[in-house]
């Protein structure tokens, strides 16, 4: 199962867990399974249309997937998925 790393700001919505093991061969499946287990994470990860929230950066095995394959990025059984609040400034 993939290891999903939950940032500190989202851990309360994940029952206080820093890492959650989740099944799925695509990022979309991993996110859906994570949100089924911890429903309070859904609005923090996904927009209403089901796309990744624009204030969230997602990395699979160290590669940001938002600009690439997005939710259809492949996830291996030993992958690490990191959810990170996107930094912005002006």
PDB file of N, CA and C in Angstrom:
ATOM      1  N   UNK A   1       0.840  -1.186   0.000  1.00  0.00           N
ATOM      2  CA  UNK A   1       0.000   0.000   0.000  1.00  0.00           C
ATOM      3  C   UNK A   1       0.882   1.246   0.000  1.00  0.00           C
ATOM      4  N   UNK A   2       0.390   2.274  -0.643  1.00  0.00           N
ATOM      5  CA  UNK A   2       1.114   3.547  -0.681  1.00  0.00           C
ATOM      6  C   UNK A   2       1.051   4.210   0.690  1.00  0.00           C
ATOM      7  N   UNK A   3       2.108   4.935   1.010  1.00  0.00           N
ATOM      8  CA  UNK A   3       2.163   5.703   2.251  1.00  0.00           C
ATOM      9  C   UNK A   3       1.817   7.148   1.914  1.00  0.00           C
ATOM     10  N   UNK A   4       0.769   7.678   2.544  1.00  0.00           N
ATOM     11  CA  UNK A   4       0.370   9.062   2.334  1.00  0.00           C
ATOM     12  C   UNK A   4       0.813   9.863   3.552  1.00  0.00           C
ATOM     13  N   UNK A   5       1.650  10.871   3.308  1.00  0.00           N
ATOM     14  CA  UNK A   5       2.148  11.730   4.379  1.00  0.00           C
ATOM     15  C   UNK A   5       1.202  12.926   4.513  1.00  0.00           C
ATOM     16  N   UNK A   6       0.644  13.080   5.700  1.00  0.00           N
ATOM     17  CA  UNK A   6      -0.336  14.125   5.979  1.00  0.00           C
ATOM     18  C   UNK A   6       0.378  15.291   6.661  1.00  0.00           C
ATOM     19  N   UNK A   7       0.249  16.517   6.112  1.00  0.00           N
ATOM     20  CA  UNK A   7       0.899  17.663   6.755  1.00  0.00           C
ATOM     21  C   UNK A   7       0.243  17.993   8.099  1.00  0.00           C
ATOM     22  N   UNK A   8       1.004  18.640   8.958  1.00  0.00           N
ATOM     23  CA  UNK A   8       0.520  18.975  10.290  1.00  0.00           C
ATOM     24  C   UNK A   8      -0.820  19.683  10.312  1.00  0.00           C
ATOM     25  N   UNK A   9      -1.037  20.594   9.387  1.00  0.00           N
ATOM     26  CA  UNK A   9      -2.280  21.370   9.354  1.00  0.00           C
ATOM     27  C   UNK A   9      -3.501  20.518   9.011  1.00  0.00           C
ATOM     28  N   UNK A  10      -3.287  19.325   8.453  1.00  0.00           N
ATOM     29  CA  UNK A  10      -4.401  18.458   8.055  1.00  0.00           C
ATOM     30  C   UNK A  10      -4.565  17.256   8.983  1.00  0.00           C
ATOM     31  N   UNK A  11      -3.677  17.078   9.917  1.00  0.00           N
ATOM     32  CA  UNK A  11      -3.677  15.857  10.724  1.00  0.00           C
ATOM     33  C   UNK A  11      -4.923  15.693  11.585  1.00  0.00           C
ATOM     34  N   UNK A  12      -5.492  16.775  12.070  1.00  0.00           N
ATOM     35  CA  UNK A  12      -6.715  16.653  12.871  1.00  0.00           C
ATOM     36  C   UNK A  12      -7.822  15.994  12.049  1.00  0.00           C
ATOM     37  N   UNK A  13      -7.888  16.318  10.749  1.00  0.00           N
ATOM     38  CA  UNK A  13      -8.899  15.735   9.860  1.00  0.00           C
ATOM     39  C   UNK A  13      -8.600  14.274   9.545  1.00  0.00           C
ATOM     40  N   UNK A  14      -7.381  13.826   9.841  1.00  0.00           N
ATOM     41  CA  UNK A  14      -6.970  12.441   9.603  1.00  0.00           C
ATOM     42  C   UNK A  14      -6.832  11.682  10.919  1.00  0.00           C
ATOM     43  N   UNK A  15      -7.549  12.115  11.928  1.00  0.00           N
ATOM     44  CA  UNK A  15      -7.490  11.432  13.218  1.00  0.00           C
ATOM     45  C   UNK A  15      -6.152  11.561  13.901  1.00  0.00           C
ATOM     46  N   UNK A  16      -5.407  12.610  13.575  1.00  0.00           N
ATOM     47  CA  UNK A  16      -4.111  12.850  14.191  1.00  0.00           C
ATOM     48  C   UNK A  16      -2.964  12.086  13.560  1.00  0.00           C
ATOM     49  N   UNK A  17      -3.241  11.326  12.513  1.00  0.00           N
ATOM     50  CA  UNK A  17      -2.200  10.514  11.883  1.00  0.00           C
ATOM     51  C   UNK A  17      -1.296  11.346  10.979  1.00  0.00           C
ATOM     52  N   UNK A  18      -0.009  11.058  11.031  1.00  0.00           N
ATOM     53  CA  UNK A  18       0.974  11.717  10.171  1.00  0.00           C
ATOM     54  C   UNK A  18       1.176  10.949   8.876  1.00  0.00           C
ATOM     55  N   UNK A  19       0.984   9.640   8.914  1.00  0.00           N
ATOM     56  CA  UNK A  19       1.145   8.774   7.746  1.00  0.00           C
ATOM     57  C   UNK A  19      -0.012   7.781   7.730  1.00  0.00           C
ATOM     58  N   UNK A  20      -0.620   7.623   6.552  1.00  0.00           N
ATOM     59  CA  UNK A  20      -1.719   6.678   6.388  1.00  0.00           C
ATOM     60  C   UNK A  20      -1.387   5.779   5.207  1.00  0.00           C
ATOM     61  N   UNK A  21      -1.492   4.476   5.384  1.00  0.00           N
ATOM     62  CA  UNK A  21      -1.285   3.551   4.276  1.00  0.00           C
ATOM     63  C   UNK A  21      -2.609   3.342   3.560  1.00  0.00           C
ATOM     64  N   UNK A  22      -2.579   3.514   2.216  1.00  0.00           N
ATOM     65  CA  UNK A  22      -3.804   3.494   1.416  1.00  0.00           C
ATOM     66  C   UNK A  22      -3.559   2.714   0.134  1.00  0.00           C
ATOM     67  N   UNK A  23      -4.554   1.968  -0.298  1.00  0.00           N
ATOM     68  CA  UNK A  23      -4.466   1.217  -1.546  1.00  0.00           C
ATOM     69  C   UNK A  23      -4.846   2.090  -2.727  1.00  0.00           C
ATOM     70  N   UNK A  24      -4.307   1.731  -3.906  1.00  0.00           N
ATOM     71  CA  UNK A  24      -4.663   2.393  -5.152  1.00  0.00           C
ATOM     72  C   UNK A  24      -3.497   2.375  -6.117  1.00  0.00           C
ATOM     73  N   UNK A  25      -3.801   2.191  -7.399  1.00  0.00           N
ATOM     74  CA  UNK A  25      -2.745   2.177  -8.414  1.00  0.00           C
ATOM     75  C   UNK A  25      -2.641   3.520  -9.138  1.00  0.00           C
ATOM     76  N   UNK A  26      -3.591   4.385  -8.935  1.00  0.00           N
ATOM     77  CA  UNK A  26      -3.577   5.758  -9.464  1.00  0.00           C
ATOM     78  C   UNK A  26      -3.800   6.707  -8.292  1.00  0.00           C
ATOM     79  N   UNK A  27      -3.284   7.914  -8.418  1.00  0.00           N
ATOM     80  CA  UNK A  27      -3.431   8.889  -7.342  1.00  0.00           C
ATOM     81  C   UNK A  27      -4.901   9.106  -7.006  1.00  0.00           C
ATOM     82  N   UNK A  28      -5.753   9.144  -8.007  1.00  0.00           N
ATOM     83  CA  UNK A  28      -7.187   9.345  -7.776  1.00  0.00           C
ATOM     84  C   UNK A  28      -7.739   8.269  -6.841  1.00  0.00           C
ATOM     85  N   UNK A  29      -7.357   7.015  -7.044  1.00  0.00           N
ATOM     86  CA  UNK A  29      -7.818   5.927  -6.182  1.00  0.00           C
ATOM     87  C   UNK A  29      -7.285   6.080  -4.764  1.00  0.00           C
ATOM     88  N   UNK A  30      -6.020   6.446  -4.662  1.00  0.00           N
ATOM     89  CA  UNK A  30      -5.412   6.643  -3.343  1.00  0.00           C
ATOM     90  C   UNK A  30      -6.147   7.751  -2.592  1.00  0.00           C
ATOM     91  N   UNK A  31      -6.385   8.875  -3.258  1.00  0.00           N
ATOM     92  CA  UNK A  31      -7.071  10.008  -2.624  1.00  0.00           C
ATOM     93  C   UNK A  31      -8.502   9.622  -2.242  1.00  0.00           C
ATOM     94  N   UNK A  32      -9.210   8.940  -3.132  1.00  0.00           N
ATOM     95  CA  UNK A  32     -10.584   8.528  -2.832  1.00  0.00           C
ATOM     96  C   UNK A  32     -10.619   7.588  -1.634  1.00  0.00           C
ATOM     97  N   UNK A  33      -9.700   6.622  -1.577  1.00  0.00           N
ATOM     98  CA  UNK A  33      -9.657   5.697  -0.451  1.00  0.00           C
ATOM     99  C   UNK A  33      -9.279   6.410   0.843  1.00  0.00           C
ATOM    100  N   UNK A  34      -8.364   7.361   0.762  1.00  0.00           N
ATOM    101  CA  UNK A  34      -7.986   8.154   1.929  1.00  0.00           C
ATOM    102  C   UNK A  34      -9.189   8.947   2.443  1.00  0.00           C
ATOM    103  N   UNK A  35      -9.922   9.575   1.529  1.00  0.00           N
ATOM    104  CA  UNK A  35     -11.078  10.402   1.915  1.00  0.00           C
ATOM    105  C   UNK A  35     -12.244   9.555   2.427  1.00  0.00           C
ATOM    106  N   UNK A  36     -12.360   8.314   1.964  1.00  0.00           N
ATOM    107  CA  UNK A  36     -13.377   7.413   2.516  1.00  0.00           C
ATOM    108  C   UNK A  36     -13.061   7.099   3.985  1.00  0.00           C
ATOM    109  N   UNK A  37     -11.778   6.893   4.244  1.00  0.00           N
ATOM    110  CA  UNK A  37     -11.354   6.569   5.602  1.00  0.00           C
ATOM    111  C   UNK A  37     -11.417   7.798   6.507  1.00  0.00           C
ATOM    112  N   UNK A  38     -11.098   8.963   5.956  1.00  0.00           N
ATOM    113  CA  UNK A  38     -11.074  10.218   6.726  1.00  0.00           C
ATOM    114  C   UNK A  38     -11.849  11.283   5.938  1.00  0.00           C
ATOM    115  N   UNK A  39     -13.182  11.278   5.991  1.00  0.00           N
ATOM    116  CA  UNK A  39     -14.010  12.187   5.189  1.00  0.00           C
ATOM    117  C   UNK A  39     -13.711  13.675   5.387  1.00  0.00           C
ATOM    118  N   UNK A  40     -13.219  14.056   6.559  1.00  0.00           N
ATOM    119  CA  UNK A  40     -12.925  15.474   6.800  1.00  0.00           C
ATOM    120  C   UNK A  40     -11.754  15.978   5.960  1.00  0.00           C
ATOM    121  N   UNK A  41     -10.973  15.065   5.379  1.00  0.00           N
ATOM    122  CA  UNK A  41      -9.865  15.467   4.503  1.00  0.00           C
ATOM    123  C   UNK A  41     -10.352  15.911   3.125  1.00  0.00           C
ATOM    124  N   UNK A  42     -11.506  15.402   2.687  1.00  0.00           N
ATOM    125  CA  UNK A  42     -11.975  15.663   1.318  1.00  0.00           C
ATOM    126  C   UNK A  42     -11.938  17.157   0.944  1.00  0.00           C
ATOM    127  N   UNK A  43     -12.544  18.061   1.710  1.00  0.00           N
ATOM    128  CA  UNK A  43     -12.521  19.473   1.290  1.00  0.00           C
ATOM    129  C   UNK A  43     -11.135  20.113   1.373  1.00  0.00           C
ATOM    130  N   UNK A  44     -10.215  19.476   2.069  1.00  0.00           N
ATOM    131  CA  UNK A  44      -8.847  19.995   2.161  1.00  0.00           C
ATOM    132  C   UNK A  44      -7.996  19.537   0.986  1.00  0.00           C
ATOM    133  N   UNK A  45      -8.410  18.457   0.327  1.00  0.00           N
ATOM    134  CA  UNK A  45      -7.637  17.870  -0.771  1.00  0.00           C
ATOM    135  C   UNK A  45      -8.272  18.126  -2.134  1.00  0.00           C
ATOM    136  N   UNK A  46      -9.606  18.029  -2.196  1.00  0.00           N
ATOM    137  CA  UNK A  46     -10.304  18.112  -3.482  1.00  0.00           C
ATOM    138  C   UNK A  46     -11.242  19.314  -3.536  1.00  0.00           C
ATOM    139  N   UNK A  47     -11.308  19.929  -4.713  1.00  0.00           N
ATOM    140  CA  UNK A  47     -12.302  20.967  -4.962  1.00  0.00           C
ATOM    141  C   UNK A  47     -13.654  20.305  -5.177  1.00  0.00           C
ATOM    142  N   UNK A  48     -14.714  21.092  -5.251  1.00  0.00           N
ATOM    143  CA  UNK A  48     -16.061  20.559  -5.441  1.00  0.00           C
ATOM    144  C   UNK A  48     -16.194  19.736  -6.722  1.00  0.00           C
ATOM    145  N   UNK A  49     -15.399  20.068  -7.747  1.00  0.00           N
ATOM    146  CA  UNK A  49     -15.480  19.334  -9.017  1.00  0.00           C
ATOM    147  C   UNK A  49     -14.634  18.060  -9.015  1.00  0.00           C
ATOM    148  N   UNK A  50     -13.991  17.750  -7.888  1.00  0.00           N
ATOM    149  CA  UNK A  50     -13.197  16.538  -7.783  1.00  0.00           C
ATOM    150  C   UNK A  50     -11.747  16.688  -8.183  1.00  0.00           C
ATOM    151  N   UNK A  51     -11.342  17.884  -8.580  1.00  0.00           N
ATOM    152  CA  UNK A  51      -9.939  18.112  -8.928  1.00  0.00           C
ATOM    153  C   UNK A  51      -9.145  18.437  -7.664  1.00  0.00           C
ATOM    154  N   UNK A  52      -7.826  18.313  -7.765  1.00  0.00           N
ATOM    155  CA  UNK A  52      -6.975  18.632  -6.622  1.00  0.00           C
ATOM    156  C   UNK A  52      -7.149  20.098  -6.235  1.00  0.00           C
ATOM    157  N   UNK A  53      -7.237  20.343  -4.954  1.00  0.00           N
ATOM    158  CA  UNK A  53      -7.384  21.711  -4.446  1.00  0.00           C
ATOM    159  C   UNK A  53      -6.187  22.544  -4.892  1.00  0.00           C
ATOM    160  N   UNK A  54      -6.437  23.762  -5.339  1.00  0.00           N
ATOM    161  CA  UNK A  54      -5.365  24.594  -5.893  1.00  0.00           C
ATOM    162  C   UNK A  54      -4.360  25.069  -4.849  1.00  0.00           C
ATOM    163  N   UNK A  55      -4.677  24.932  -3.570  1.00  0.00           N
ATOM    164  CA  UNK A  55      -3.733  25.319  -2.512  1.00  0.00           C
ATOM    165  C   UNK A  55      -2.983  24.112  -1.957  1.00  0.00           C
ATOM    166  N   UNK A  56      -2.946  23.026  -2.742  1.00  0.00           N
ATOM    167  CA  UNK A  56      -2.302  21.813  -2.293  1.00  0.00           C
ATOM    168  C   UNK A  56      -1.336  21.325  -3.361  1.00  0.00           C
ATOM    169  N   UNK A  57      -0.120  21.027  -2.951  1.00  0.00           N
ATOM    170  CA  UNK A  57       0.845  20.393  -3.847  1.00  0.00           C
ATOM    171  C   UNK A  57       0.897  18.916  -3.467  1.00  0.00           C
ATOM    172  N   UNK A  58       0.917  18.052  -4.483  1.00  0.00           N
ATOM    173  CA  UNK A  58       0.943  16.611  -4.238  1.00  0.00           C
ATOM    174  C   UNK A  58       2.161  16.031  -4.948  1.00  0.00           C
ATOM    175  N   UNK A  59       2.916  15.228  -4.218  1.00  0.00           N
ATOM    176  CA  UNK A  59       4.120  14.601  -4.756  1.00  0.00           C
ATOM    177  C   UNK A  59       3.986  13.087  -4.644  1.00  0.00           C
ATOM    178  N   UNK A  60       4.323  12.393  -5.712  1.00  0.00           N
ATOM    179  CA  UNK A  60       4.392  10.930  -5.691  1.00  0.00           C
ATOM    180  C   UNK A  60       5.846  10.562  -5.920  1.00  0.00           C
ATOM    181  N   UNK A  61       6.431   9.941  -4.937  1.00  0.00           N
ATOM    182  CA  UNK A  61       7.843   9.555  -4.990  1.00  0.00           C
ATOM    183  C   UNK A  61       8.742  10.739  -5.361  1.00  0.00           C
ATOM    184  N   UNK A  62       8.452  11.900  -4.761  1.00  0.00           N
ATOM    185  CA  UNK A  62       9.284  13.081  -4.934  1.00  0.00           C
ATOM    186  C   UNK A  62       9.000  13.917  -6.164  1.00  0.00           C
ATOM    187  N   UNK A  63       8.035  13.506  -6.993  1.00  0.00           N
ATOM    188  CA  UNK A  63       7.715  14.238  -8.217  1.00  0.00           C
ATOM    189  C   UNK A  63       6.340  14.880  -8.066  1.00  0.00           C
ATOM    190  N   UNK A  64       6.269  16.200  -8.265  1.00  0.00           N
ATOM    191  CA  UNK A  64       4.985  16.884  -8.172  1.00  0.00           C
ATOM    192  C   UNK A  64       4.100  16.433  -9.323  1.00  0.00           C
ATOM    193  N   UNK A  65       2.868  16.059  -9.015  1.00  0.00           N
ATOM    194  CA  UNK A  65       1.977  15.521 -10.038  1.00  0.00           C
ATOM    195  C   UNK A  65       0.918  16.505 -10.509  1.00  0.00           C
ATOM    196  N   UNK A  66       0.763  17.613  -9.849  1.00  0.00           N
ATOM    197  CA  UNK A  66      -0.286  18.583 -10.196  1.00  0.00           C
ATOM    198  C   UNK A  66      -0.187  19.031 -11.648  1.00  0.00           C
ATOM    199  N   UNK A  67       1.003  19.372 -12.098  1.00  0.00           N
ATOM    200  CA  UNK A  67       1.181  19.885 -13.458  1.00  0.00           C
ATOM    201  C   UNK A  67       1.274  18.763 -14.482  1.00  0.00           C
ATOM    202  N   UNK A  68       1.522  17.560 -14.043  1.00  0.00           N
ATOM    203  CA  UNK A  68       1.694  16.441 -14.959  1.00  0.00           C
ATOM    204  C   UNK A  68       0.423  15.637 -15.110  1.00  0.00           C
ATOM    205  N   UNK A  69       0.489  14.390 -14.721  1.00  0.00           N
ATOM    206  CA  UNK A  69      -0.633  13.466 -14.887  1.00  0.00           C
ATOM    207  C   UNK A  69      -1.762  13.728 -13.891  1.00  0.00           C
ATOM    208  N   UNK A  70      -1.516  14.585 -12.909  1.00  0.00           N
ATOM    209  CA  UNK A  70      -2.563  14.913 -11.943  1.00  0.00           C
ATOM    210  C   UNK A  70      -3.090  13.689 -11.222  1.00  0.00           C
ATOM    211  N   UNK A  71      -4.393  13.600 -11.125  1.00  0.00           N
ATOM    212  CA  UNK A  71      -5.011  12.501 -10.402  1.00  0.00           C
ATOM    213  C   UNK A  71      -4.802  11.144 -11.061  1.00  0.00           C
ATOM    214  N   UNK A  72      -4.341  11.120 -12.301  1.00  0.00           N
ATOM    215  CA  UNK A  72      -4.146   9.854 -12.999  1.00  0.00           C
ATOM    216  C   UNK A  72      -2.695   9.363 -12.929  1.00  0.00           C
ATOM    217  N   UNK A  73      -1.890  10.025 -12.112  1.00  0.00           N
ATOM    218  CA  UNK A  73      -0.508   9.594 -11.920  1.00  0.00           C
ATOM    219  C   UNK A  73      -0.493   8.186 -11.335  1.00  0.00           C
ATOM    220  N   UNK A  74       0.429   7.370 -11.809  1.00  0.00           N
ATOM    221  CA  UNK A  74       0.563   6.013 -11.298  1.00  0.00           C
ATOM    222  C   UNK A  74       1.165   6.033  -9.900  1.00  0.00           C
ATOM    223  N   UNK A  75       0.675   5.139  -9.072  1.00  0.00           N
ATOM    224  CA  UNK A  75       1.158   4.984  -7.706  1.00  0.00           C
ATOM    225  C   UNK A  75       1.488   3.509  -7.517  1.00  0.00           C
ATOM    226  N   UNK A  76       2.714   3.231  -7.113  1.00  0.00           N
ATOM    227  CA  UNK A  76       3.142   1.854  -6.863  1.00  0.00           C
ATOM    228  C   UNK A  76       2.780   1.465  -5.432  1.00  0.00           C
ATOM    229  N   UNK A  77       2.814   0.177  -5.153  1.00  0.00           N
ATOM    230  CA  UNK A  77       2.460  -0.293  -3.811  1.00  0.00           C
ATOM    231  C   UNK A  77       3.427   0.211  -2.741  1.00  0.00           C
ATOM    232  N   UNK A  78       4.651   0.584  -3.148  1.00  0.00           N
ATOM    233  CA  UNK A  78       5.628   1.097  -2.184  1.00  0.00           C
ATOM    234  C   UNK A  78       5.862   2.601  -2.341  1.00  0.00           C
ATOM    235  N   UNK A  79       4.957   3.285  -3.040  1.00  0.00           N
ATOM    236  CA  UNK A  79       5.113   4.728  -3.272  1.00  0.00           C
ATOM    237  C   UNK A  79       4.848   5.532  -2.005  1.00  0.00           C
ATOM    238  N   UNK A  80       5.454   6.715  -1.982  1.00  0.00           N
ATOM    239  CA  UNK A  80       5.176   7.690  -0.932  1.00  0.00           C
ATOM    240  C   UNK A  80       4.471   8.871  -1.582  1.00  0.00           C
ATOM    241  N   UNK A  81       3.297   9.186  -1.077  1.00  0.00           N
ATOM    242  CA  UNK A  81       2.510  10.319  -1.558  1.00  0.00           C
ATOM    243  C   UNK A  81       2.556  11.383  -0.476  1.00  0.00           C
ATOM    244  N   UNK A  82       3.018  12.560  -0.843  1.00  0.00           N
ATOM    245  CA  UNK A  82       3.119  13.650   0.129  1.00  0.00           C
ATOM    246  C   UNK A  82       2.117  14.735  -0.240  1.00  0.00           C
ATOM    247  N   UNK A  83       1.281  15.103   0.722  1.00  0.00           N
ATOM    248  CA  UNK A  83       0.356  16.212   0.576  1.00  0.00           C
ATOM    249  C   UNK A  83       1.012  17.414   1.248  1.00  0.00           C
ATOM    250  N   UNK A  84       1.148  18.502   0.517  1.00  0.00           N
ATOM    251  CA  UNK A  84       1.827  19.673   1.072  1.00  0.00           C
ATOM    252  C   UNK A  84       1.059  20.936   0.721  1.00  0.00           C
ATOM    253  N   UNK A  85       0.771  21.765   1.705  1.00  0.00           N
ATOM    254  CA  UNK A  85       0.130  23.043   1.399  1.00  0.00           C
ATOM    255  C   UNK A  85       1.027  23.820   0.441  1.00  0.00           C
ATOM    256  N   UNK A  86       0.460  24.284  -0.657  1.00  0.00           N
ATOM    257  CA  UNK A  86       1.231  25.039  -1.650  1.00  0.00           C
ATOM    258  C   UNK A  86       1.602  26.406  -1.075  1.00  0.00           C
ATOM    259  N   UNK A  87       2.814  26.811  -1.317  1.00  0.00           N
ATOM    260  CA  UNK A  87       3.276  28.113  -0.860  1.00  0.00           C
ATOM    261  C   UNK A  87       2.983  29.143  -1.929  1.00  0.00           C
ATOM    262  N   UNK A  88       2.542  30.308  -1.497  1.00  0.00           N
ATOM    263  CA  UNK A  88       2.306  31.387  -2.457  1.00  0.00           C
ATOM    264  C   UNK A  88       2.658  32.699  -1.773  1.00  0.00           C
ATOM    265  N   UNK A  89       2.844  33.667  -2.563  1.00  0.00           N
ATOM    266  CA  UNK A  89       3.204  34.960  -2.002  1.00  0.00           C
ATOM    267  C   UNK A  89       3.050  36.042  -3.051  1.00  0.00           C
ATOM    268  N   UNK A  90       3.403  37.217  -2.682  1.00  0.00           N
ATOM    269  CA  UNK A  90       3.196  38.273  -3.646  1.00  0.00           C
ATOM    270  C   UNK A  90       4.024  39.475  -3.376  1.00  0.00           C
TER     271      UNK A  90
END
